[in-house]
Amino acid sequence: MSWAGCSEREELRAVLRRGQWPDGCPAELVKHVEGCAACRQEVLVTAHLQSARASAVAEAPSSVSPSLLWWRAQTRRREAALKQAARPLAAAQVFALVVMVAAVVGFVAWQWPAVLALGTQAGGGLSLARLEAEWGVVPVMAALALVSALGGVVALLTVERQR
């Protein structure tokens, strides 16, 4: 393609815009396009773009009501806002899960000698009643909180993947 300007290019573009190529234009212009590579490319590209536009217009639904389009746009906007608002909530839930796991691991590490002593004492195995008697309800509550947090994270991840 030549970058040099063609003296007939503007006239050719005007004819192409009006849709008069090749029937409604002067014979000299048709003859010029046959000999000029730049103008030939201009005709090819313009004809292709015009046919693509015509097919797109023909395929576009013409019976869609404006209220339906507005409703769809509002629904998309609302879904995007909800998705954006859910990101910090998901991050907060993951942070809470990490803190909960760290607390449980820290508590178990802190009380590990007592857990081993409970298991090795004569006449007794490790049971929920014995743990409650030794430590109270703190480990049971921590375990329930951990299971609840994990359940919430699993439910959130399941819902997010289904969207």
Protein backbone atom coordinates (compact mmCIF):
# COMPACT_ATOMS: atom_id res chain seq x y z
CA MET A 1 0.00 0.00 0.00
CA SER A 2 1.37 3.38 -0.94
CA TRP A 3 1.42 6.17 1.63
CA ALA A 4 1.54 8.77 -1.09
CA GLY A 5 -1.75 10.56 -1.53
CA CYS A 6 -3.84 9.83 -4.60
CA SER A 7 -5.52 12.74 -6.29
CA GLU A 8 -8.74 10.76 -6.78
CA ARG A 9 -8.99 9.30 -3.27
CA GLU A 10 -11.36 11.92 -1.82
CA GLU A 11 -13.72 11.64 -4.76
CA LEU A 12 -13.62 7.85 -4.45
CA ARG A 13 -14.39 8.05 -0.72
CA ALA A 14 -17.35 10.33 -1.39
CA VAL A 15 -18.72 7.88 -3.98
CA LEU A 16 -18.24 4.96 -1.57
CA ARG A 17 -19.99 6.84 1.28
CA ARG A 18 -22.99 7.51 -0.94
CA GLY A 19 -23.10 3.84 -1.99
CA GLN A 20 -22.72 4.68 -5.67
CA TRP A 21 -19.76 2.41 -6.42
CA PRO A 22 -19.35 1.28 -9.23
CA ASP A 23 -22.68 1.95 -10.97
CA GLY A 24 -23.29 5.58 -10.01
CA CYS A 25 -19.83 7.00 -10.54
CA PRO A 26 -17.97 8.37 -13.56
CA ALA A 27 -16.25 5.89 -15.85
CA GLU A 28 -12.93 7.73 -15.39
CA LEU A 29 -13.02 6.94 -11.68
CA VAL A 30 -13.64 3.24 -12.35
CA LYS A 31 -10.74 3.24 -14.80
CA HIS A 32 -8.52 5.01 -12.24
CA VAL A 33 -9.34 2.46 -9.53
CA GLU A 34 -8.39 -0.38 -11.88
CA GLY A 35 -4.92 1.15 -12.27
CA CYS A 36 -4.33 2.50 -8.72
CA ALA A 37 -3.46 -0.09 -6.04
CA ALA A 38 -4.22 2.27 -3.15
CA CYS A 39 -7.69 3.11 -4.46
CA ARG A 40 -8.37 -0.57 -5.19
CA GLN A 41 -7.55 -1.40 -1.56
CA GLU A 42 -9.78 1.44 -0.43
CA VAL A 43 -12.68 -0.02 -2.42
CA LEU A 44 -12.06 -3.55 -1.07
CA VAL A 45 -11.87 -2.47 2.56
CA THR A 46 -14.86 -0.16 2.32
CA ALA A 47 -16.99 -2.76 0.54
CA HIS A 48 -16.11 -5.34 3.18
CA LEU A 49 -16.92 -2.99 6.07
CA GLN A 50 -20.21 -1.94 4.46
CA SER A 51 -21.28 -5.58 3.96
CA ALA A 52 -20.31 -6.43 7.55
CA ARG A 53 -22.35 -3.47 8.80
CA ALA A 54 -25.34 -4.47 6.67
CA SER A 55 -25.26 -8.04 7.96
CA ALA A 56 -24.93 -6.84 11.57
CA VAL A 57 -27.90 -4.52 11.15
CA ALA A 58 -29.92 -7.31 9.56
CA GLU A 59 -29.13 -9.70 12.44
CA ALA A 60 -29.88 -7.19 15.19
CA PRO A 61 -33.21 -7.74 16.93
CA SER A 62 -35.57 -4.97 15.99
CA SER A 63 -38.43 -5.82 18.32
CA VAL A 64 -36.62 -5.39 21.65
CA SER A 65 -38.39 -2.82 23.74
CA PRO A 66 -36.40 -0.03 25.38
CA SER A 67 -37.76 -0.96 28.80
CA LEU A 68 -36.38 -4.49 28.43
CA LEU A 69 -32.98 -3.11 27.47
CA TRP A 70 -33.06 -0.75 30.48
CA TRP A 71 -34.06 -3.59 32.80
CA ARG A 72 -31.21 -5.79 31.51
CA ALA A 73 -28.72 -2.96 31.94
CA GLN A 74 -29.92 -2.34 35.50
CA THR A 75 -29.67 -6.05 36.29
CA ARG A 76 -26.11 -6.22 34.96
CA ARG A 77 -25.17 -3.11 36.94
CA ARG A 78 -26.68 -4.55 40.11
CA GLU A 79 -24.90 -7.90 39.65
CA ALA A 80 -21.58 -6.13 39.08
CA ALA A 81 -22.09 -4.07 42.24
CA LEU A 82 -22.93 -7.18 44.27
CA LYS A 83 -19.89 -9.01 42.95
CA GLN A 84 -17.68 -6.05 43.80
CA ALA A 85 -19.17 -5.82 47.29
CA ALA A 86 -18.68 -9.56 47.88
CA ARG A 87 -14.91 -9.38 47.35
CA PRO A 88 -14.11 -7.64 50.65
CA LEU A 89 -16.55 -9.94 52.46
CA ALA A 90 -14.82 -13.00 51.08
CA ALA A 91 -11.45 -11.56 52.06
CA ALA A 92 -12.74 -10.88 55.58
CA GLN A 93 -14.04 -14.44 55.87
CA VAL A 94 -10.71 -15.87 54.77
CA PHE A 95 -8.93 -13.62 57.26
CA ALA A 96 -11.28 -14.76 60.03
CA LEU A 97 -10.65 -18.38 59.08
CA VAL A 98 -6.89 -17.87 59.21
CA VAL A 99 -7.14 -16.18 62.62
CA MET A 100 -9.38 -18.98 63.91
CA VAL A 101 -7.03 -21.70 62.70
CA ALA A 102 -4.05 -19.87 64.17
CA ALA A 103 -5.85 -19.54 67.50
CA VAL A 104 -6.74 -23.24 67.60
CA VAL A 105 -3.21 -24.28 66.60
CA GLY A 106 -1.77 -21.91 69.21
CA PHE A 107 -4.10 -23.23 71.89
CA VAL A 108 -3.28 -26.85 71.07
CA ALA A 109 0.45 -26.08 71.03
CA TRP A 110 0.17 -24.28 74.35
CA GLN A 111 -1.80 -27.11 75.98
CA TRP A 112 -0.04 -30.02 74.23
CA PRO A 113 1.69 -31.30 77.39
CA ALA A 114 -1.66 -31.38 79.20
CA VAL A 115 -3.25 -33.30 76.30
CA LEU A 116 -0.45 -35.85 76.41
CA ALA A 117 -0.78 -36.14 80.20
CA LEU A 118 -4.53 -36.76 79.88
CA GLY A 119 -3.92 -39.56 77.44
CA THR A 120 -1.26 -41.26 79.52
CA GLN A 121 -2.91 -41.07 82.93
CA ALA A 122 -3.85 -44.39 84.42
CA GLY A 123 -7.39 -45.51 84.00
CA GLY A 124 -8.55 -42.96 81.53
CA GLY A 125 -8.69 -42.34 77.88
CA LEU A 126 -9.34 -39.08 76.18
CA SER A 127 -13.05 -38.23 76.21
CA LEU A 128 -15.18 -35.16 75.67
CA ALA A 129 -16.40 -35.21 79.30
CA ARG A 130 -12.85 -35.38 80.59
CA LEU A 131 -11.70 -32.52 78.33
CA GLU A 132 -14.64 -30.45 79.51
CA ALA A 133 -13.82 -31.20 83.13
CA GLU A 134 -10.17 -30.20 82.66
CA TRP A 135 -10.51 -27.16 80.41
CA GLY A 136 -14.15 -26.15 80.43
CA VAL A 137 -16.13 -25.41 77.29
CA VAL A 138 -13.47 -23.29 75.56
CA PRO A 139 -12.13 -26.08 73.29
CA VAL A 140 -15.65 -27.22 72.41
CA MET A 141 -16.69 -23.67 71.52
CA ALA A 142 -13.51 -23.14 69.51
CA ALA A 143 -14.16 -26.35 67.59
CA LEU A 144 -17.78 -25.35 66.89
CA ALA A 145 -16.66 -21.90 65.74
CA LEU A 146 -14.05 -23.45 63.47
CA VAL A 147 -16.59 -25.84 61.93
CA SER A 148 -19.04 -22.97 61.42
CA ALA A 149 -16.40 -20.77 59.79
CA LEU A 150 -15.29 -23.58 57.50
CA GLY A 151 -18.91 -24.28 56.58
CA GLY A 152 -19.43 -20.63 55.68
CA VAL A 153 -16.31 -20.54 53.52
CA VAL A 154 -17.32 -23.76 51.74
CA ALA A 155 -20.83 -22.40 51.11
CA LEU A 156 -19.43 -19.10 49.78
CA LEU A 157 -16.99 -20.83 47.46
CA THR A 158 -19.71 -23.16 46.20
CA VAL A 159 -22.06 -20.28 45.42
CA GLU A 160 -19.28 -18.28 43.71
CA ARG A 161 -18.35 -21.22 41.44
CA GLN A 162 -21.97 -21.74 40.38
CA ARG A 163 -22.29 -18.18 39.05
